[in-house]
Amino acid sequence: AVTAPEQEIIQFDVDEPMDFDYDEWLGLYKSQKVEFDYTFKDDMIEGTLPSDFPKGILYRNGPGLLETPDGKPIDQPFDGDGYVCAFRFGDQITFSSRFVKTEGYVKEKQAGKALYRGVFSVGNPTDSWFYNPLDIKPKNIANTGVVRWGDRLLALWEGGGPHRLDPETLETTGTCSLDGVLPEGQEFAAHYRHYEDRLVNFGVSALGGRDLRIRVWEFAEGSFEVLDSSEYTVPGKAFAFVHDFAVTENYYVFYLNPITLDLKTFGLEYLWGKSSIAQCLKMTEGIPGKWYLVPRGPARAKGEKPKMLDVPLSITQFIFHHANAYEQDGLIYADSVCLQGGIDFGMTLDNADKTYFRGNEYGGAGPWAGLFRHVLDPAKGTVKRYLLADRGCEFPSCNPKVVGQRHRYIYAATARTRGPNFGPNVGVLKVDASQPEGQVAHDAWVPECKSQFGGEPIFVPKVGAQKEDDGYLLVLMYDAKSHKSYLAILDASNLQQGPVTKLRMPHHLTAGLHGSWSPA
């Protein structure tokens, strides 16, 4: 028998204690059933919007409805119907929100009950004896990302095609094939990249339950004219759960998680409504995570083929999100949030508790999530990894001007604590990624009130920006004491001063996933 290598465990110099109320945090996952349209009046604005804050729109998408039409709770928020918001910054500041009226959303609302399976939720949605266990196609919930490109606003969900929304009213106009680029049902990921003046995105699908098909498109500025496209099949990686990617001068950079489908769970539990399809996906011991480099641009022109680089077996991790990647001296540097020890898709709002936010390698129940750098050497086929910050985080990003280039700063939603306690997210982390290996340098803002929780920070460049951190970070915050939300605007070059402006809302918003900034 082959002995598995000893697993790499991060040793922390600090172990700051958690101090939050779990039930207060759960308030983030209460449905918001109302669609809004209003202007922020003076008494709703705390502080002054800086003079170098640009005009534009912050769009945000996430699950809004976390219960079925007949009131049954959805125990995994990833399965909630999409709810798109818009904060418009002009002569006035306004807010509007709409549910994404997908075909599934409309049909379920008319039926007054659930009709479709969720990817992450458990159960027979129909509660009928005539339930067809082989009907395994989930509902396109359009709840993960949102992008405006040219005159089109798209709500994104990686399991299917995009939905087109009216950029002004946010009303759904239907599914969108991007001028015939996407075949019906083609997956179009929620994590695109703005690379130079192009929109770059991908779609993945499982072929025959065994292989992974990856398609990538590069669209011209402001349109869906395809400037370049690629399609590759990766044998044996159908369930690698590719949620995000990065783009460099020569490569599309993908991470293939070491996950396989548990056929026993699938056959005995999922088909009969006793587990979700996500719970059939298992981290697999003895299989390394893999970086998959797909040539683009100059590398593709030279006839390069895709390269696969194995992560050492001593590292067990799951990756949802990448901050950025770039090339230098023949190496590729990829900065990502890694979930140490992998992921358990069986964790839901019903069965989790406060211990989930302590790493399972340190006596807790969840995977410690933090920011790491992977150094990829395509010539030697090697990978090494090191830690960039000792504070748990998620939803990493950079100034969009440095996508695919060497960056200095990374921003992410972050925990109040350093060390093994990695959550929940309450504030904003700024990491200086220019430090040598083994050194960490970061700054953070967290609210003084321990009943406030935060989400993904969106970077907005200042008018006349010169430096990489000349910008503002827009973060949607939730105050459990009042059960209301506010938008915090922080100066990216000076997090310690706290929000320069707060837009206080007369209601709460459910915990979101991803947003984007559209300049005027």
Protein backbone atom coordinates (compact mmCIF):
# COMPACT_ATOMS: atom_id res chain seq x y z
CA ALA A 1 0.00 0.00 0.00
CA VAL A 2 1.11 3.54 -0.73
CA THR A 3 1.42 5.74 2.36
CA ALA A 4 -0.19 9.14 1.92
CA PRO A 5 2.25 11.99 2.58
CA GLU A 6 1.88 13.96 5.78
CA GLN A 7 -0.49 16.85 5.17
CA GLU A 8 0.79 20.41 5.21
CA ILE A 9 -0.78 22.33 8.12
CA ILE A 10 -0.35 26.07 8.48
CA GLN A 11 1.21 27.07 11.80
CA PHE A 12 -0.13 30.38 13.09
CA ASP A 13 1.63 32.75 15.49
CA VAL A 14 -1.70 34.00 16.81
CA ASP A 15 -5.05 32.43 17.71
CA GLU A 16 -7.52 35.23 18.26
CA PRO A 17 -10.86 34.13 19.76
CA MET A 18 -14.18 34.41 17.94
CA ASP A 19 -16.66 36.82 19.42
CA PHE A 20 -19.98 36.89 17.56
CA ASP A 21 -23.51 35.62 17.90
CA TYR A 22 -24.22 32.80 15.45
CA ASP A 23 -27.96 33.49 15.42
CA GLU A 24 -27.27 37.13 14.56
CA TRP A 25 -25.13 36.00 11.62
CA LEU A 26 -28.02 33.81 10.41
CA GLY A 27 -30.04 37.00 9.95
CA LEU A 28 -28.08 37.47 6.72
CA TYR A 29 -29.96 34.50 5.33
CA LYS A 30 -33.48 35.77 5.77
CA SER A 31 -35.33 36.18 2.47
CA GLN A 32 -35.86 39.64 1.04
CA LYS A 33 -39.14 39.30 -0.85
CA VAL A 34 -39.64 42.98 -1.70
CA GLU A 35 -38.40 44.71 -4.86
CA PHE A 36 -37.32 48.31 -4.23
CA ASP A 37 -36.94 51.67 -5.99
CA TYR A 38 -35.90 54.73 -4.00
CA THR A 39 -33.49 57.65 -3.69
CA PHE A 40 -31.10 57.99 -0.76
CA LYS A 41 -32.17 61.10 1.11
CA ASP A 42 -29.74 63.18 3.17
CA ASP A 43 -30.67 61.49 6.43
CA MET A 44 -29.84 58.09 4.87
CA ILE A 45 -26.28 59.16 3.93
CA GLU A 46 -23.65 59.17 6.67
CA GLY A 47 -20.55 61.14 5.74
CA THR A 48 -19.92 62.79 2.38
CA LEU A 49 -19.35 61.10 -0.94
CA PRO A 50 -15.79 62.09 -1.96
CA SER A 51 -15.37 64.49 -4.86
CA ASP A 52 -13.20 61.97 -6.73
CA PHE A 53 -15.81 59.20 -6.47
CA PRO A 54 -16.89 58.49 -10.08
CA LYS A 55 -20.37 58.31 -11.52
CA GLY A 56 -21.53 54.82 -12.31
CA ILE A 57 -23.55 51.83 -11.11
CA LEU A 58 -22.74 49.13 -8.59
CA TYR A 59 -24.60 45.98 -9.60
CA ARG A 60 -24.87 43.09 -7.18
CA ASN A 61 -26.36 39.60 -7.47
CA GLY A 62 -27.11 36.95 -4.90
CA PRO A 63 -29.83 34.68 -3.54
CA GLY A 64 -32.85 36.73 -2.46
CA LEU A 65 -35.46 34.07 -1.78
CA LEU A 66 -34.36 31.39 0.67
CA GLU A 67 -37.63 29.53 0.93
CA THR A 68 -39.94 27.79 -1.51
CA PRO A 69 -43.17 29.50 -2.64
CA ASP A 70 -45.10 27.51 -0.02
CA GLY A 71 -42.79 28.66 2.79
CA LYS A 72 -40.39 25.72 3.19
CA PRO A 73 -36.87 26.93 4.04
CA ILE A 74 -34.00 26.36 1.62
CA ASP A 75 -31.20 25.10 3.85
CA GLN A 76 -28.37 25.98 1.46
CA PRO A 77 -28.30 29.65 0.40
CA PHE A 78 -26.47 28.89 -2.85
CA ASP A 79 -29.84 27.62 -4.15
CA GLY A 80 -31.82 30.83 -3.58
CA ASP A 81 -33.38 32.62 -6.57
CA GLY A 82 -31.29 35.46 -8.00
CA TYR A 83 -31.95 39.00 -6.75
CA VAL A 84 -30.10 41.77 -8.58
CA CYS A 85 -29.54 45.21 -7.01
CA ALA A 86 -28.29 48.47 -8.46
CA PHE A 87 -26.78 51.42 -6.58
CA ARG A 88 -26.66 54.33 -9.05
CA PHE A 89 -24.25 57.19 -8.39
CA GLY A 90 -25.05 60.35 -10.33
CA ASP A 91 -26.55 63.68 -9.36
CA GLN A 92 -28.41 61.59 -6.79
CA ILE A 93 -27.80 58.15 -5.34
CA THR A 94 -30.60 55.68 -6.00
CA PHE A 95 -31.29 52.03 -5.25
CA SER A 96 -33.36 49.45 -7.11
CA SER A 97 -33.72 45.68 -6.96
CA ARG A 98 -35.50 42.93 -8.86
CA PHE A 99 -35.73 39.17 -8.78
CA VAL A 100 -34.39 37.50 -11.90
CA LYS A 101 -37.55 36.12 -13.44
CA THR A 102 -36.14 32.86 -14.76
CA GLU A 103 -38.47 30.27 -16.25
CA GLY A 104 -38.16 28.23 -13.05
CA TYR A 105 -38.88 31.21 -10.80
CA VAL A 106 -42.03 32.08 -12.74
CA LYS A 107 -43.33 28.51 -12.90
CA GLU A 108 -42.77 27.88 -9.20
CA LYS A 109 -44.44 31.14 -8.23
CA GLN A 110 -47.46 30.24 -10.36
CA ALA A 111 -47.58 26.72 -8.90
CA GLY A 112 -47.13 27.97 -5.33
CA LYS A 113 -44.54 25.30 -4.57
CA ALA A 114 -41.09 24.02 -5.58
CA LEU A 115 -40.88 22.20 -8.89
CA TYR A 116 -37.12 21.78 -9.35
CA ARG A 117 -34.18 20.29 -7.54
CA GLY A 118 -31.47 22.51 -6.13
CA VAL A 119 -27.80 21.78 -6.67
CA PHE A 120 -26.95 22.12 -2.97
CA SER A 121 -30.30 21.53 -1.23
CA VAL A 122 -31.66 18.17 -0.14
CA GLY A 123 -35.04 16.69 -0.87
CA ASN A 124 -37.80 15.73 -3.23
CA PRO A 125 -39.02 19.19 -4.27
CA THR A 126 -42.49 18.04 -5.26
CA ASP A 127 -43.37 15.95 -2.17
CA SER A 128 -45.22 13.71 -4.61
CA TRP A 129 -45.37 9.91 -4.76
CA PHE A 130 -45.10 10.33 -8.53
CA TYR A 131 -41.71 12.05 -8.25
CA ASN A 132 -39.41 11.06 -11.11
CA PRO A 133 -35.99 10.30 -9.60
CA LEU A 134 -34.33 10.50 -13.01
CA ASP A 135 -35.41 14.12 -13.48
CA ILE A 136 -32.10 15.55 -12.26
CA LYS A 137 -31.88 18.84 -14.13
CA PRO A 138 -31.72 21.73 -11.62
CA LYS A 139 -33.30 25.13 -11.99
CA ASN A 140 -31.21 27.94 -13.49
CA ILE A 141 -31.39 30.35 -10.57
CA ALA A 142 -29.25 33.14 -12.12
CA ASN A 143 -28.01 34.15 -8.67
CA THR A 144 -24.21 34.27 -8.74
CA GLY A 145 -22.77 37.08 -10.86
CA VAL A 146 -23.77 40.13 -12.86
CA VAL A 147 -22.00 42.02 -15.63
CA ARG A 148 -22.81 44.92 -17.91
CA TRP A 149 -21.08 44.70 -21.27
CA GLY A 150 -22.02 47.26 -23.85
CA ASP A 151 -25.78 47.78 -23.72
CA ARG A 152 -26.49 44.43 -22.05
CA LEU A 153 -26.82 43.50 -18.41
CA LEU A 154 -26.48 39.80 -17.68
CA ALA A 155 -27.32 37.76 -14.57
CA LEU A 156 -24.99 34.76 -14.42
CA TRP A 157 -25.08 31.25 -12.99
CA GLU A 158 -22.41 28.75 -13.97
CA GLY A 159 -24.78 25.82 -14.42
CA GLY A 160 -26.56 27.35 -17.42
CA GLY A 161 -26.84 30.28 -19.77
CA PRO A 162 -27.10 33.97 -18.82
CA HIS A 163 -30.32 35.93 -18.35
CA ARG A 164 -30.63 39.37 -19.87
CA LEU A 165 -31.92 42.23 -17.72
CA ASP A 166 -32.90 45.77 -18.63
CA PRO A 167 -29.91 47.86 -17.41
CA GLU A 168 -32.23 50.61 -16.12
CA THR A 169 -35.28 48.79 -14.71
CA LEU A 170 -33.54 45.45 -13.95
CA GLU A 171 -36.57 43.63 -15.35
CA THR A 172 -35.78 40.25 -16.91
CA THR A 173 -36.15 40.08 -20.69
CA GLY A 174 -35.26 36.37 -21.03
CA THR A 175 -32.32 34.08 -21.60
CA CYS A 176 -29.53 35.36 -23.81
CA SER A 177 -27.44 33.48 -26.39
CA LEU A 178 -25.02 36.41 -26.84
CA ASP A 179 -25.98 36.90 -30.48
CA GLY A 180 -25.97 33.18 -31.18
CA VAL A 181 -22.58 32.46 -29.59
CA LEU A 182 -24.03 30.16 -26.93
CA PRO A 183 -26.02 27.06 -27.88
CA GLU A 184 -29.20 26.55 -25.86
CA GLY A 185 -28.30 25.45 -22.34
CA GLN A 186 -24.59 26.21 -22.75
CA GLU A 187 -22.96 26.95 -19.42
CA PHE A 188 -21.56 30.48 -19.05
CA ALA A 189 -19.62 31.04 -15.84
CA ALA A 190 -20.35 33.69 -13.24
CA HIS A 191 -16.63 34.60 -13.00
CA TYR A 192 -15.56 36.50 -16.10
CA ARG A 193 -12.44 38.65 -16.41
CA HIS A 194 -11.94 42.09 -17.94
CA TYR A 195 -8.60 41.60 -19.64
CA GLU A 196 -7.36 44.80 -21.30
CA ASP A 197 -10.39 45.86 -23.38
CA ARG A 198 -11.91 42.38 -23.66
CA LEU A 199 -14.51 40.41 -21.72
CA VAL A 200 -13.18 36.88 -21.20
CA ASN A 201 -15.35 34.08 -19.84
CA PHE A 202 -15.63 30.32 -19.84
CA GLY A 203 -18.15 27.52 -19.47
CA VAL A 204 -17.63 23.99 -18.18
CA SER A 205 -19.75 20.88 -18.53
CA ALA A 206 -19.48 17.21 -17.67
CA LEU A 207 -19.35 14.90 -20.67
CA GLY A 208 -20.84 11.48 -20.06
CA GLY A 209 -20.24 11.82 -16.34
CA ARG A 210 -16.51 11.35 -16.87
CA ASP A 211 -14.73 14.11 -18.77
CA LEU A 212 -14.70 17.89 -18.37
CA ARG A 213 -15.28 20.16 -21.35
CA ILE A 214 -13.95 23.71 -21.05
CA ARG A 215 -14.94 26.42 -23.50
CA VAL A 216 -13.45 29.92 -23.41
CA TRP A 217 -14.50 33.06 -25.29
CA GLU A 218 -12.90 36.48 -25.68
CA PHE A 219 -15.36 39.22 -26.65
CA ALA A 220 -14.61 42.56 -28.26
CA GLU A 221 -15.02 45.74 -26.27
CA GLY A 222 -18.68 46.53 -25.63
CA SER A 223 -20.04 43.72 -27.85
CA PHE A 224 -20.31 39.95 -28.12
CA GLU A 225 -18.21 39.68 -31.23
CA VAL A 226 -15.94 36.70 -30.58
CA LEU A 227 -12.30 37.62 -31.05
CA ASP A 228 -11.00 34.26 -29.91
CA SER A 229 -12.41 30.98 -28.60
CA SER A 230 -11.07 27.66 -27.39
CA GLU A 231 -12.49 24.29 -26.47
CA TYR A 232 -10.68 21.50 -24.66
CA THR A 233 -11.66 18.22 -23.00
CA VAL A 234 -9.95 17.09 -19.81
CA PRO A 235 -10.30 13.30 -19.35
CA GLY A 236 -11.57 12.05 -15.99
CA LYS A 237 -12.24 15.49 -14.49
CA ALA A 238 -16.00 15.87 -15.01
CA PHE A 239 -16.62 16.94 -11.40
CA ALA A 240 -13.58 19.17 -10.75
CA PHE A 241 -15.91 22.04 -9.72
CA VAL A 242 -14.30 24.84 -11.73
CA HIS A 243 -16.02 27.97 -10.43
CA ASP A 244 -13.46 30.64 -11.39
CA PHE A 245 -10.36 31.16 -13.51
CA ALA A 246 -7.61 33.68 -14.21
CA VAL A 247 -6.17 35.15 -17.41
CA THR A 248 -2.55 36.00 -18.18
CA GLU A 249 -0.76 37.08 -21.35
CA ASN A 250 -0.30 33.50 -22.55
CA TYR A 251 -2.73 31.34 -20.55
CA TYR A 252 -6.19 30.77 -19.19
CA VAL A 253 -5.46 29.45 -15.70
CA PHE A 254 -7.82 26.89 -14.18
CA TYR A 255 -7.65 24.94 -10.94
CA LEU A 256 -9.15 21.44 -11.04
CA ASN A 257 -10.26 20.40 -7.58
CA PRO A 258 -9.56 16.75 -6.60
CA ILE A 259 -13.22 15.76 -6.54
CA THR A 260 -15.05 12.72 -7.85
CA LEU A 261 -18.69 11.63 -7.91
CA ASP A 262 -19.62 9.17 -5.17
CA LEU A 263 -21.80 6.77 -7.16
CA LYS A 264 -23.18 5.06 -4.06
CA THR A 265 -24.46 8.36 -2.62
CA PHE A 266 -25.76 9.33 -6.04
CA GLY A 267 -27.70 6.11 -6.58
CA LEU A 268 -28.97 5.43 -3.08
CA GLU A 269 -29.54 8.96 -1.81
CA TYR A 270 -29.57 11.69 -4.45
CA LEU A 271 -31.93 10.01 -6.90
CA TRP A 272 -34.41 9.49 -4.06
CA GLY A 273 -34.23 12.99 -2.65
CA LYS A 274 -32.11 12.10 0.39
CA SER A 275 -29.09 14.21 -0.56
CA SER A 276 -28.15 16.98 -2.95
CA ILE A 277 -26.04 16.43 -6.05
CA ALA A 278 -23.35 18.55 -4.38
CA GLN A 279 -23.24 16.08 -1.48
CA CYS A 280 -22.33 13.37 -3.99
CA LEU A 281 -19.12 15.23 -4.77
CA LYS A 282 -16.29 14.06 -2.54
CA MET A 283 -12.71 15.17 -2.01
CA THR A 284 -10.67 12.17 -3.11
CA GLU A 285 -7.61 11.06 -1.14
CA GLY A 286 -4.55 10.30 -3.23
CA ILE A 287 -5.61 12.48 -6.16
CA PRO A 288 -3.76 15.80 -6.42
CA GLY A 289 -5.34 19.10 -7.25
CA LYS A 290 -4.20 20.23 -10.69
CA TRP A 291 -3.46 23.55 -12.36
CA TYR A 292 -4.58 23.42 -15.98
CA LEU A 293 -2.95 25.96 -18.28
CA VAL A 294 -4.77 26.55 -21.57
CA PRO A 295 -2.74 28.54 -24.13
CA ARG A 296 -4.08 31.84 -25.43
CA GLY A 297 -2.65 34.75 -27.40
CA PRO A 298 1.07 34.39 -28.19
CA ALA A 299 1.35 30.88 -26.70
CA ARG A 300 -1.56 29.61 -28.77
CA ALA A 301 -0.15 31.26 -31.89
CA LYS A 302 3.08 29.30 -31.34
CA GLY A 303 1.11 26.05 -31.19
CA GLU A 304 1.48 25.35 -27.48
CA LYS A 305 -0.72 22.61 -26.00
CA PRO A 306 -2.47 22.70 -22.63
CA LYS A 307 -0.30 21.86 -19.63
CA MET A 308 -1.28 20.06 -16.42
CA LEU A 309 0.67 20.72 -13.21
CA ASP A 310 0.04 18.68 -10.06
CA VAL A 311 -0.15 20.25 -6.62
CA PRO A 312 1.93 18.23 -4.11
CA LEU A 313 -0.11 15.50 -2.43
CA SER A 314 0.86 17.00 0.92
CA ILE A 315 -1.54 19.85 0.12
CA THR A 316 -5.27 19.09 0.29
CA GLN A 317 -7.35 22.09 -0.68
CA PHE A 318 -10.42 23.30 -2.50
CA ILE A 319 -10.49 26.56 -4.47
CA PHE A 320 -13.57 28.59 -5.35
CA HIS A 321 -11.98 31.97 -6.14
CA HIS A 322 -8.84 33.49 -7.63
CA ALA A 323 -7.70 37.07 -7.10
CA ASN A 324 -5.39 37.31 -10.10
CA ALA A 325 -2.54 35.61 -11.95
CA TYR A 326 0.44 36.91 -13.89
CA GLU A 327 3.61 35.74 -15.63
CA GLN A 328 7.18 36.67 -14.76
CA ASP A 329 10.50 35.10 -15.80
CA GLY A 330 8.85 31.96 -17.12
CA LEU A 331 6.77 31.40 -13.99
CA ILE A 332 3.07 31.92 -13.34
CA TYR A 333 1.98 33.41 -10.01
CA ALA A 334 -1.63 32.62 -9.07
CA ASP A 335 -3.19 34.10 -5.93
CA SER A 336 -6.28 32.33 -4.63
CA VAL A 337 -8.35 31.67 -1.54
CA CYS A 338 -7.75 28.05 -0.59
CA LEU A 339 -9.97 25.98 1.70
CA GLN A 340 -7.50 23.90 3.69
CA GLY A 341 -8.32 20.20 3.84
CA GLY A 342 -11.01 20.46 1.18
CA ILE A 343 -14.73 21.05 1.39
CA ASP A 344 -17.77 19.23 2.73
CA PHE A 345 -20.84 20.08 0.67
CA GLY A 346 -23.00 18.49 3.34
CA MET A 347 -22.63 21.57 5.55
CA THR A 348 -25.86 23.60 5.53
CA LEU A 349 -27.55 26.30 7.59
CA ASP A 350 -29.45 23.54 9.38
CA ASN A 351 -26.50 21.47 10.58
CA ALA A 352 -23.68 24.02 10.96
CA ASP A 353 -22.85 25.96 14.11
CA LYS A 354 -20.24 28.39 15.36
CA THR A 355 -17.50 25.74 15.27
CA TYR A 356 -17.70 25.78 11.46
CA PHE A 357 -15.68 29.02 11.51
CA ARG A 358 -12.64 27.39 13.09
CA GLY A 359 -10.38 25.35 10.82
CA ASN A 360 -10.90 21.60 11.11
CA GLU A 361 -7.13 21.15 11.40
CA TYR A 362 -7.30 23.17 14.64
CA GLY A 363 -10.23 21.48 16.39
CA GLY A 364 -13.05 23.19 14.47
CA ALA A 365 -15.55 21.91 11.91
CA GLY A 366 -14.86 23.94 8.76
CA PRO A 367 -12.01 24.27 6.23
CA TRP A 368 -9.74 27.21 7.06
CA ALA A 369 -10.09 29.64 4.14
CA GLY A 370 -7.22 31.98 3.45
CA LEU A 371 -5.15 33.66 0.75
CA PHE A 372 -2.25 31.71 -0.79
CA ARG A 373 0.12 32.18 -3.70
CA HIS A 374 0.88 29.28 -6.03
CA VAL A 375 4.05 29.52 -8.10
CA LEU A 376 3.70 27.45 -11.27
CA ASP A 377 6.68 26.46 -13.38
CA PRO A 378 5.33 25.23 -16.73
CA ALA A 379 8.79 24.20 -17.97
CA LYS A 380 9.57 21.99 -14.97
CA GLY A 381 5.97 21.01 -14.26
CA THR A 382 6.26 22.00 -10.60
CA VAL A 383 4.00 23.83 -8.14
CA LYS A 384 4.78 25.38 -4.78
CA ARG A 385 2.51 27.31 -2.43
CA TYR A 386 2.86 29.81 0.39
CA LEU A 387 0.59 31.85 2.63
CA LEU A 388 -0.06 35.54 1.94
CA ALA A 389 -2.09 36.45 5.04
CA ASP A 390 -2.84 34.89 8.43
CA ARG A 391 -6.41 36.20 8.51
CA GLY A 392 -9.26 34.13 7.05
CA CYS A 393 -10.93 35.61 3.98
CA GLU A 394 -12.99 35.00 0.84
CA PHE A 395 -14.12 36.83 -2.34
CA PRO A 396 -10.63 38.09 -3.36
CA SER A 397 -10.13 40.70 -6.08
CA CYS A 398 -7.72 43.31 -7.41
CA ASN A 399 -7.91 46.66 -9.12
CA PRO A 400 -9.37 45.62 -12.52
CA LYS A 401 -6.60 47.59 -14.26
CA VAL A 402 -4.03 44.96 -13.19
CA VAL A 403 -5.89 41.81 -14.28
CA GLY A 404 -3.32 39.49 -15.85
CA GLN A 405 -0.45 41.75 -14.76
CA ARG A 406 1.79 41.78 -11.73
CA HIS A 407 -0.29 43.24 -8.92
CA ARG A 408 0.67 44.52 -5.51
CA TYR A 409 -2.64 44.63 -3.65
CA ILE A 410 -5.40 42.10 -3.11
CA TYR A 411 -8.71 42.92 -1.40
CA ALA A 412 -11.07 40.40 0.18
CA ALA A 413 -13.92 39.99 2.62
CA THR A 414 -12.33 39.07 5.92
CA ALA A 415 -12.85 37.76 9.44
CA ARG A 416 -12.47 39.77 12.61
CA THR A 417 -9.78 37.37 13.86
CA ARG A 418 -6.30 36.24 12.85
CA GLY A 419 -5.27 32.64 13.14
CA PRO A 420 -7.31 29.40 13.02
CA ASN A 421 -10.70 31.16 13.44
CA PHE A 422 -11.41 32.19 9.85
CA GLY A 423 -14.88 33.70 9.89
CA PRO A 424 -17.47 34.90 9.47
CA ASN A 425 -16.67 37.73 7.07
CA VAL A 426 -17.19 41.09 8.75
CA GLY A 427 -14.86 43.56 7.02
CA VAL A 428 -12.22 44.15 4.36
CA LEU A 429 -8.68 42.79 4.04
CA LYS A 430 -5.93 44.47 2.01
CA VAL A 431 -2.90 42.29 1.34
CA ASP A 432 0.45 43.52 0.04
CA ALA A 433 1.40 40.64 -2.25
CA SER A 434 4.80 42.13 -3.09
CA GLN A 435 6.34 40.78 0.13
CA PRO A 436 8.94 37.98 -0.10
CA GLU A 437 7.86 34.42 0.53
CA GLY A 438 7.37 33.80 4.23
CA GLN A 439 6.45 37.38 5.07
CA VAL A 440 2.89 38.64 5.35
CA ALA A 441 1.83 42.28 5.22
CA HIS A 442 -1.80 43.20 5.39
CA ASP A 443 -4.22 45.80 6.64
CA ALA A 444 -7.85 45.33 7.57
CA TRP A 445 -10.96 47.24 8.48
CA VAL A 446 -13.58 45.59 10.66
CA PRO A 447 -16.56 47.39 12.21
CA GLU A 448 -16.46 48.08 15.93
CA CYS A 449 -19.92 46.57 16.36
CA LYS A 450 -19.67 42.79 16.62
CA SER A 451 -23.20 42.38 15.28
CA GLN A 452 -22.23 43.54 11.78
CA PHE A 453 -21.21 41.28 8.93
CA GLY A 454 -19.92 41.98 5.43
CA GLY A 455 -19.57 40.66 1.91
CA GLU A 456 -17.46 40.98 -1.23
CA PRO A 457 -15.53 44.26 -1.68
CA ILE A 458 -15.79 45.84 -5.15
CA PHE A 459 -12.90 48.10 -6.23
CA VAL A 460 -13.86 51.36 -7.96
CA PRO A 461 -10.99 53.51 -9.33
CA LYS A 462 -10.93 57.14 -8.23
CA VAL A 463 -11.32 59.90 -10.79
CA GLY A 464 -7.77 60.64 -11.95
CA ALA A 465 -6.32 57.53 -10.27
CA GLN A 466 -2.55 57.12 -10.57
CA LYS A 467 -1.53 54.44 -8.06
CA GLU A 468 -2.80 50.86 -7.91
CA ASP A 469 -4.72 51.50 -4.68
CA ASP A 470 -6.21 54.83 -5.80
CA GLY A 471 -9.78 53.70 -5.46
CA TYR A 472 -12.73 52.98 -3.23
CA LEU A 473 -13.99 49.66 -1.91
CA LEU A 474 -17.76 49.20 -1.89
CA VAL A 475 -18.94 46.63 0.65
CA LEU A 476 -22.49 45.68 1.51
CA MET A 477 -22.81 45.35 5.29
CA TYR A 478 -25.52 43.81 7.48
CA ASP A 479 -26.38 45.07 10.97
CA ALA A 480 -28.05 42.28 12.92
CA LYS A 481 -29.22 44.58 15.72
CA SER A 482 -31.42 46.60 13.38
CA HIS A 483 -31.84 43.83 10.75
CA LYS A 484 -30.91 46.41 8.11
CA SER A 485 -28.10 46.77 5.60
CA TYR A 486 -25.84 49.60 4.55
CA LEU A 487 -23.30 50.16 1.79
CA ALA A 488 -19.88 51.06 3.19
CA ILE A 489 -17.51 53.07 0.99
CA LEU A 490 -13.86 52.82 2.07
CA ASP A 491 -10.74 54.47 0.71
CA ALA A 492 -8.58 51.58 -0.54
CA SER A 493 -5.41 53.53 0.27
CA ASN A 494 -6.46 54.09 3.90
CA LEU A 495 -8.63 51.32 5.30
CA GLN A 496 -7.90 52.25 8.90
CA GLN A 497 -9.98 55.41 8.74
CA GLY A 498 -13.07 53.28 8.18
CA PRO A 499 -15.92 54.10 5.80
CA VAL A 500 -15.83 57.59 4.35
CA THR A 501 -19.52 57.18 3.48
CA LYS A 502 -22.32 54.88 4.57
CA LEU A 503 -25.55 54.54 2.61
CA ARG A 504 -28.07 53.34 5.17
CA MET A 505 -30.95 51.27 3.85
CA PRO A 506 -34.41 51.01 5.45
CA HIS A 507 -34.36 47.23 5.04
CA HIS A 508 -31.96 44.28 4.92
CA LEU A 509 -30.49 42.51 1.92
CA THR A 510 -29.82 38.79 1.95
CA ALA A 511 -26.14 37.79 1.86
CA GLY A 512 -25.00 38.31 -1.70
CA LEU A 513 -22.44 36.58 -3.86
CA HIS A 514 -20.84 38.76 -6.54
CA GLY A 515 -21.13 42.26 -7.92
CA SER A 516 -19.52 44.55 -10.50
CA TRP A 517 -18.97 48.23 -11.20
CA SER A 518 -20.20 49.81 -14.43
CA PRO A 519 -18.72 53.29 -15.06
CA ALA A 520 -21.03 55.97 -16.43
